[in-house]
N, C-alpha and C. Protein backbone atom coordinates (compact mmCIF):
# COMPACT_ATOMS: atom_id res chain seq x y z
N MET A 1 -8.55 -10.81 -18.03
CA MET A 1 -8.55 -12.15 -17.48
C MET A 1 -7.18 -12.36 -16.85
N ILE A 2 -7.16 -12.94 -15.68
CA ILE A 2 -5.89 -13.23 -14.99
C ILE A 2 -5.78 -14.74 -14.81
N TRP A 3 -4.68 -15.29 -15.24
CA TRP A 3 -4.40 -16.71 -15.04
C TRP A 3 -3.27 -16.80 -14.02
N ASN A 4 -3.45 -17.63 -12.99
CA ASN A 4 -2.43 -17.69 -11.94
C ASN A 4 -1.95 -19.11 -11.65
N ASN A 5 -2.06 -20.01 -12.59
CA ASN A 5 -1.53 -21.37 -12.47
C ASN A 5 -1.99 -22.06 -11.18
N GLY A 6 -3.31 -22.05 -10.98
CA GLY A 6 -3.84 -22.75 -9.82
C GLY A 6 -3.48 -22.10 -8.50
N ALA A 7 -3.25 -20.80 -8.49
CA ALA A 7 -2.89 -20.05 -7.28
C ALA A 7 -1.64 -20.62 -6.61
N SER A 8 -0.67 -21.02 -7.43
CA SER A 8 0.57 -21.60 -6.89
C SER A 8 1.46 -20.55 -6.23
N GLY A 9 1.17 -19.27 -6.47
CA GLY A 9 1.96 -18.21 -5.86
C GLY A 9 3.26 -17.89 -6.59
N LYS A 10 3.53 -18.56 -7.70
CA LYS A 10 4.78 -18.34 -8.42
C LYS A 10 4.68 -17.22 -9.45
N PHE A 11 3.54 -17.06 -10.06
CA PHE A 11 3.36 -16.01 -11.06
C PHE A 11 1.88 -15.86 -11.39
N PHE A 12 1.58 -14.80 -12.10
CA PHE A 12 0.26 -14.65 -12.71
C PHE A 12 0.46 -14.10 -14.10
N CYS A 13 -0.49 -14.32 -14.95
CA CYS A 13 -0.38 -13.91 -16.34
C CYS A 13 -1.62 -13.11 -16.74
N PRO A 14 -1.51 -11.79 -16.92
CA PRO A 14 -2.65 -11.02 -17.40
C PRO A 14 -2.85 -11.30 -18.89
N GLU A 15 -4.05 -11.66 -19.25
CA GLU A 15 -4.37 -11.99 -20.64
C GLU A 15 -5.47 -11.05 -21.12
N PRO A 16 -5.23 -10.34 -22.21
CA PRO A 16 -6.26 -9.43 -22.71
C PRO A 16 -7.49 -10.20 -23.18
N GLN A 17 -8.64 -9.70 -22.83
CA GLN A 17 -9.89 -10.31 -23.27
C GLN A 17 -10.90 -9.21 -23.48
N ILE A 18 -11.50 -9.14 -24.64
CA ILE A 18 -12.47 -8.10 -24.94
C ILE A 18 -13.88 -8.67 -25.08
N ASN A 19 -13.99 -9.97 -25.10
CA ASN A 19 -15.30 -10.58 -25.32
C ASN A 19 -15.73 -11.41 -24.10
N LEU A 20 -17.00 -11.78 -24.09
CA LEU A 20 -17.51 -12.67 -23.05
C LEU A 20 -16.83 -14.03 -23.15
N VAL A 21 -16.73 -14.71 -22.05
CA VAL A 21 -16.22 -16.08 -22.07
C VAL A 21 -17.17 -16.92 -22.93
N ASN A 22 -16.61 -17.76 -23.80
CA ASN A 22 -17.38 -18.63 -24.69
C ASN A 22 -18.19 -17.82 -25.72
N ALA A 23 -17.74 -16.62 -26.04
CA ALA A 23 -18.47 -15.73 -26.94
C ALA A 23 -18.86 -16.37 -28.28
N PRO A 24 -17.99 -17.12 -28.94
CA PRO A 24 -18.39 -17.68 -30.25
C PRO A 24 -19.59 -18.63 -30.17
N ASN A 25 -19.87 -19.15 -29.00
CA ASN A 25 -20.99 -20.08 -28.85
C ASN A 25 -22.23 -19.44 -28.23
N MET A 26 -22.22 -18.11 -28.06
CA MET A 26 -23.36 -17.40 -27.49
C MET A 26 -24.34 -17.06 -28.60
N ASP A 27 -25.62 -17.09 -28.27
CA ASP A 27 -26.66 -16.76 -29.24
C ASP A 27 -27.10 -15.30 -29.04
N LEU A 28 -26.11 -14.40 -29.15
CA LEU A 28 -26.35 -12.96 -29.00
C LEU A 28 -25.61 -12.24 -30.12
N PRO A 29 -26.03 -11.01 -30.44
CA PRO A 29 -25.34 -10.24 -31.48
C PRO A 29 -23.87 -10.01 -31.11
N ALA A 30 -23.02 -10.04 -32.11
CA ALA A 30 -21.57 -9.90 -31.91
C ALA A 30 -21.22 -8.63 -31.15
N ASP A 31 -21.93 -7.52 -31.42
CA ASP A 31 -21.58 -6.27 -30.73
C ASP A 31 -21.94 -6.30 -29.24
N GLU A 32 -22.82 -7.20 -28.83
CA GLU A 32 -23.17 -7.32 -27.41
C GLU A 32 -22.20 -8.21 -26.65
N ILE A 33 -21.56 -9.14 -27.35
CA ILE A 33 -20.65 -10.07 -26.67
C ILE A 33 -19.18 -9.70 -26.87
N GLY A 34 -18.93 -8.64 -27.64
CA GLY A 34 -17.56 -8.17 -27.83
C GLY A 34 -16.76 -9.00 -28.82
N LEU A 35 -17.43 -9.69 -29.70
CA LEU A 35 -16.75 -10.55 -30.66
C LEU A 35 -16.64 -9.84 -32.01
N PHE A 36 -15.46 -9.83 -32.56
CA PHE A 36 -15.27 -9.28 -33.90
C PHE A 36 -14.21 -10.09 -34.62
N SER A 37 -14.16 -9.95 -35.92
CA SER A 37 -13.18 -10.71 -36.70
C SER A 37 -12.27 -9.75 -37.45
N LEU A 38 -11.14 -10.29 -37.87
CA LEU A 38 -10.19 -9.53 -38.68
C LEU A 38 -10.12 -10.13 -40.06
N ALA A 39 -10.00 -9.29 -41.05
CA ALA A 39 -9.82 -9.75 -42.42
C ALA A 39 -8.38 -10.25 -42.57
N PRO A 40 -8.14 -11.12 -43.55
CA PRO A 40 -6.77 -11.59 -43.76
C PRO A 40 -5.80 -10.42 -43.93
N GLY A 41 -4.73 -10.43 -43.16
CA GLY A 41 -3.73 -9.37 -43.22
C GLY A 41 -4.05 -8.15 -42.37
N GLU A 42 -5.26 -8.08 -41.83
CA GLU A 42 -5.64 -6.95 -40.98
C GLU A 42 -4.97 -7.08 -39.62
N ILE A 43 -4.60 -5.94 -39.05
CA ILE A 43 -3.92 -5.91 -37.75
C ILE A 43 -4.80 -5.20 -36.74
N TRP A 44 -4.87 -5.75 -35.54
CA TRP A 44 -5.59 -5.12 -34.44
C TRP A 44 -4.59 -4.86 -33.32
N GLU A 45 -4.55 -3.64 -32.84
CA GLU A 45 -3.65 -3.29 -31.75
C GLU A 45 -4.45 -2.63 -30.64
N GLU A 46 -4.01 -2.84 -29.43
CA GLU A 46 -4.68 -2.25 -28.27
C GLU A 46 -3.64 -1.98 -27.20
N THR A 47 -3.95 -1.09 -26.30
CA THR A 47 -3.06 -0.77 -25.18
C THR A 47 -3.82 -0.99 -23.89
N ALA A 48 -3.13 -1.53 -22.91
CA ALA A 48 -3.72 -1.74 -21.59
C ALA A 48 -2.72 -1.33 -20.52
N ARG A 49 -3.23 -1.00 -19.35
CA ARG A 49 -2.38 -0.67 -18.21
C ARG A 49 -2.79 -1.53 -17.04
N ILE A 50 -1.81 -1.93 -16.28
CA ILE A 50 -2.06 -2.67 -15.05
C ILE A 50 -1.38 -1.89 -13.93
N TYR A 51 -2.13 -1.57 -12.91
CA TYR A 51 -1.60 -0.86 -11.76
C TYR A 51 -1.49 -1.85 -10.60
N LEU A 52 -0.34 -1.87 -9.96
CA LEU A 52 -0.12 -2.75 -8.82
C LEU A 52 -0.01 -1.93 -7.56
N LYS A 53 -0.55 -2.45 -6.50
CA LYS A 53 -0.49 -1.76 -5.22
C LYS A 53 0.06 -2.76 -4.19
N ALA A 54 1.01 -2.31 -3.39
CA ALA A 54 1.59 -3.18 -2.38
C ALA A 54 0.54 -3.58 -1.35
N ALA A 55 0.57 -4.83 -0.95
CA ALA A 55 -0.37 -5.32 0.05
C ALA A 55 -0.03 -4.74 1.42
N ALA A 56 -1.05 -4.43 2.18
CA ALA A 56 -0.82 -3.93 3.55
C ALA A 56 -0.27 -5.04 4.41
N LYS A 57 0.68 -4.69 5.28
CA LYS A 57 1.27 -5.70 6.17
C LYS A 57 0.66 -5.65 7.54
């Protein structure tokens, strides 16, 4: 998911998302919507890469 503050052109913020939007309110199995929970004290870690390409002039 990318948030860009209303396309103001000042910045964008990549936000990790593994589930469907509004997943907790979907009437589908958790494994289909990408929703999972963590037990107290459990840690979840993930790695992501973002590749940027210069715009053509």
